[in-house]
Amino acid sequence: MMNVSGLTILRWEEKGLVHPVRLESGHRRYKKSEIEKLLGLDTIKLDDKVNCIIYSRVSTKKQQKSGNLERQTSRLKEYALKRGYHIIEVYEEVASGINENRRQLN
């Protein structure tokens, strides 16, 4: 969920940075808030609003010219604003979804 390996979380536990809740089965569960704190994600709130970044993409120039990119961005902005998010940046690009080296996404 947080894009962190299990070994990383175990190392954090050994250092006392996170504290697991042990289940009867022996499995560990970690509080999301502790992981977010370690990753620096606990600082994204500003005046009780959650900051967000919008990223929209279409695959071809034809889709962009027909307004698909603009509509997608508009819908994402509407979604964010309805939920009280503070939009701090908007990224748009025309690029293949297969390409993982998209400039705006990175």
C-alpha atoms as a PDB file:
ATOM      1  CA  MET A   1       0.000   0.000   0.000  1.00  0.00           C
ATOM      2  CA  MET A   2       2.805   2.418   0.841  1.00  0.00           C
ATOM      3  CA  ASN A   3       5.232   0.962  -1.712  1.00  0.00           C
ATOM      4  CA  VAL A   4       7.594  -0.163   1.056  1.00  0.00           C
ATOM      5  CA  SER A   5       8.930  -3.694   1.327  1.00  0.00           C
ATOM      6  CA  GLY A   6       8.128  -5.949   4.251  1.00  0.00           C
ATOM      7  CA  LEU A   7      11.820  -6.072   5.169  1.00  0.00           C
ATOM      8  CA  THR A   8      11.926  -2.284   5.403  1.00  0.00           C
ATOM      9  CA  ILE A   9       9.023  -2.280   7.837  1.00  0.00           C
ATOM     10  CA  LEU A  10      10.692  -5.022   9.898  1.00  0.00           C
ATOM     11  CA  ARG A  11      13.877  -2.919  10.081  1.00  0.00           C
ATOM     12  CA  TRP A  12      11.801   0.066  11.207  1.00  0.00           C
ATOM     13  CA  GLU A  13      10.262  -2.155  13.871  1.00  0.00           C
ATOM     14  CA  GLU A  14      13.700  -3.296  15.068  1.00  0.00           C
ATOM     15  CA  LYS A  15      14.750   0.352  15.391  1.00  0.00           C
ATOM     16  CA  GLY A  16      11.576   1.137  17.327  1.00  0.00           C
ATOM     17  CA  LEU A  17      10.223   3.464  14.645  1.00  0.00           C
ATOM     18  CA  VAL A  18       6.950   1.541  14.244  1.00  0.00           C
ATOM     19  CA  HIS A  19       5.044  -0.603  16.706  1.00  0.00           C
ATOM     20  CA  PRO A  20       3.051  -3.555  15.373  1.00  0.00           C
ATOM     21  CA  VAL A  21      -0.236  -4.871  16.659  1.00  0.00           C
ATOM     22  CA  ARG A  22       0.065  -8.649  16.870  1.00  0.00           C
ATOM     23  CA  LEU A  23      -2.871 -10.762  15.773  1.00  0.00           C
ATOM     24  CA  GLU A  24      -3.690 -14.144  17.288  1.00  0.00           C
ATOM     25  CA  SER A  25      -2.362 -15.716  14.110  1.00  0.00           C
ATOM     26  CA  GLY A  26       1.038 -14.123  14.749  1.00  0.00           C
ATOM     27  CA  HIS A  27       0.734 -11.682  11.869  1.00  0.00           C
ATOM     28  CA  ARG A  28       1.656  -8.067  12.399  1.00  0.00           C
ATOM     29  CA  ARG A  29      -0.423  -5.024  11.573  1.00  0.00           C
ATOM     30  CA  TYR A  30       0.977  -1.497  11.567  1.00  0.00           C
ATOM     31  CA  LYS A  31      -0.829   1.764  12.055  1.00  0.00           C
ATOM     32  CA  LYS A  32      -1.070   3.637   8.807  1.00  0.00           C
ATOM     33  CA  SER A  33      -0.335   6.885  10.656  1.00  0.00           C
ATOM     34  CA  GLU A  34       3.059   5.568  11.833  1.00  0.00           C
ATOM     35  CA  ILE A  35       4.077   4.556   8.303  1.00  0.00           C
ATOM     36  CA  GLU A  36       2.867   7.892   6.891  1.00  0.00           C
ATOM     37  CA  LYS A  37       4.889   9.729   9.529  1.00  0.00           C
ATOM     38  CA  LEU A  38       8.060   7.855   8.545  1.00  0.00           C
ATOM     39  CA  LEU A  39       7.457   8.548   4.860  1.00  0.00           C
ATOM     40  CA  GLY A  40       6.762  12.228   5.530  1.00  0.00           C
ATOM     41  CA  LEU A  41       3.159  11.935   4.420  1.00  0.00           C
ATOM     42  CA  ASP A  42       1.803  13.271   7.694  1.00  0.00           C
ATOM     43  CA  THR A  43       2.752  16.817   6.680  1.00  0.00           C
ATOM     44  CA  ILE A  44       0.469  17.087   3.661  1.00  0.00           C
ATOM     45  CA  LYS A  45      -2.335  18.808   5.538  1.00  0.00           C
ATOM     46  CA  LEU A  46      -2.677  22.565   5.328  1.00  0.00           C
ATOM     47  CA  ASP A  47      -5.393  24.272   7.374  1.00  0.00           C
ATOM     48  CA  ASP A  48      -7.263  20.941   7.703  1.00  0.00           C
ATOM     49  CA  LYS A  49      -7.297  20.554   3.926  1.00  0.00           C
ATOM     50  CA  VAL A  50      -5.483  17.736   2.199  1.00  0.00           C
ATOM     51  CA  ASN A  51      -3.164  18.861  -0.558  1.00  0.00           C
ATOM     52  CA  CYS A  52      -3.395  17.005  -3.841  1.00  0.00           C
ATOM     53  CA  ILE A  53      -1.764  16.943  -7.221  1.00  0.00           C
ATOM     54  CA  ILE A  54      -3.788  16.227 -10.333  1.00  0.00           C
ATOM     55  CA  TYR A  55      -2.346  14.191 -13.179  1.00  0.00           C
ATOM     56  CA  SER A  56      -4.271  13.596 -16.368  1.00  0.00           C
ATOM     57  CA  ARG A  57      -3.088  11.851 -19.512  1.00  0.00           C
ATOM     58  CA  VAL A  58      -4.311  10.859 -22.922  1.00  0.00           C
ATOM     59  CA  SER A  59      -2.509   8.593 -25.345  1.00  0.00           C
ATOM     60  CA  THR A  60      -2.738  10.571 -28.582  1.00  0.00           C
ATOM     61  CA  LYS A  61      -2.784  14.116 -29.920  1.00  0.00           C
ATOM     62  CA  LYS A  62      -6.142  13.269 -31.522  1.00  0.00           C
ATOM     63  CA  GLN A  63      -7.620  12.622 -28.065  1.00  0.00           C
ATOM     64  CA  GLN A  64      -6.169  15.899 -26.841  1.00  0.00           C
ATOM     65  CA  LYS A  65      -7.602  17.837 -29.811  1.00  0.00           C
ATOM     66  CA  SER A  66     -11.048  16.322 -29.244  1.00  0.00           C
ATOM     67  CA  GLY A  67     -11.040  17.680 -25.683  1.00  0.00           C
ATOM     68  CA  ASN A  68     -10.520  14.431 -23.774  1.00  0.00           C
ATOM     69  CA  LEU A  69      -7.547  15.744 -21.824  1.00  0.00           C
ATOM     70  CA  GLU A  70      -9.338  18.937 -20.852  1.00  0.00           C
ATOM     71  CA  ARG A  71     -12.468  17.012 -19.770  1.00  0.00           C
ATOM     72  CA  GLN A  72     -10.408  14.564 -17.733  1.00  0.00           C
ATOM     73  CA  THR A  73      -8.595  17.390 -15.942  1.00  0.00           C
ATOM     74  CA  SER A  74     -11.861  19.205 -15.317  1.00  0.00           C
ATOM     75  CA  ARG A  75     -13.458  16.110 -13.802  1.00  0.00           C
ATOM     76  CA  LEU A  76     -10.474  15.485 -11.569  1.00  0.00           C
ATOM     77  CA  LYS A  77     -10.537  19.090 -10.344  1.00  0.00           C
ATOM     78  CA  GLU A  78     -14.263  18.835  -9.643  1.00  0.00           C
ATOM     79  CA  TYR A  79     -13.739  15.579  -7.728  1.00  0.00           C
ATOM     80  CA  ALA A  80     -10.953  17.090  -5.625  1.00  0.00           C
ATOM     81  CA  LEU A  81     -12.827  20.283  -4.828  1.00  0.00           C
ATOM     82  CA  LYS A  82     -16.008  18.421  -3.828  1.00  0.00           C
ATOM     83  CA  ARG A  83     -13.965  16.509  -1.271  1.00  0.00           C
ATOM     84  CA  GLY A  84     -12.290  19.618   0.084  1.00  0.00           C
ATOM     85  CA  TYR A  85      -8.834  18.921  -1.333  1.00  0.00           C
ATOM     86  CA  HIS A  86      -6.448  21.798  -1.925  1.00  0.00           C
ATOM     87  CA  ILE A  87      -5.076  21.442  -5.470  1.00  0.00           C
ATOM     88  CA  ILE A  88      -1.439  22.478  -5.435  1.00  0.00           C
ATOM     89  CA  GLU A  89      -0.413  21.364  -8.920  1.00  0.00           C
ATOM     90  CA  VAL A  90      -1.984  20.142 -12.167  1.00  0.00           C
ATOM     91  CA  TYR A  91      -0.033  18.020 -14.644  1.00  0.00           C
ATOM     92  CA  GLU A  92      -1.291  17.093 -18.097  1.00  0.00           C
ATOM     93  CA  GLU A  93       0.399  15.149 -20.829  1.00  0.00           C
ATOM     94  CA  VAL A  94      -0.028  13.263 -24.055  1.00  0.00           C
ATOM     95  CA  ALA A  95       1.869  10.001 -23.688  1.00  0.00           C
ATOM     96  CA  SER A  96       1.408   6.275 -23.962  1.00  0.00           C
ATOM     97  CA  GLY A  97       0.251   4.481 -20.839  1.00  0.00           C
ATOM     98  CA  ILE A  98       2.794   1.765 -21.579  1.00  0.00           C
ATOM     99  CA  ASN A  99       5.687   4.224 -21.304  1.00  0.00           C
ATOM    100  CA  GLU A 100       6.713   4.389 -17.640  1.00  0.00           C
ATOM    101  CA  ASN A 101       9.105   7.283 -18.221  1.00  0.00           C
ATOM    102  CA  ARG A 102       6.442   9.943 -18.641  1.00  0.00           C
ATOM    103  CA  ARG A 103       7.878  13.354 -17.743  1.00  0.00           C
ATOM    104  CA  GLN A 104       4.805  14.797 -16.043  1.00  0.00           C
ATOM    105  CA  LEU A 105       4.106  11.629 -14.084  1.00  0.00           C
ATOM    106  CA  ASN A 106       7.679  11.438 -12.816  1.00  0.00           C
END
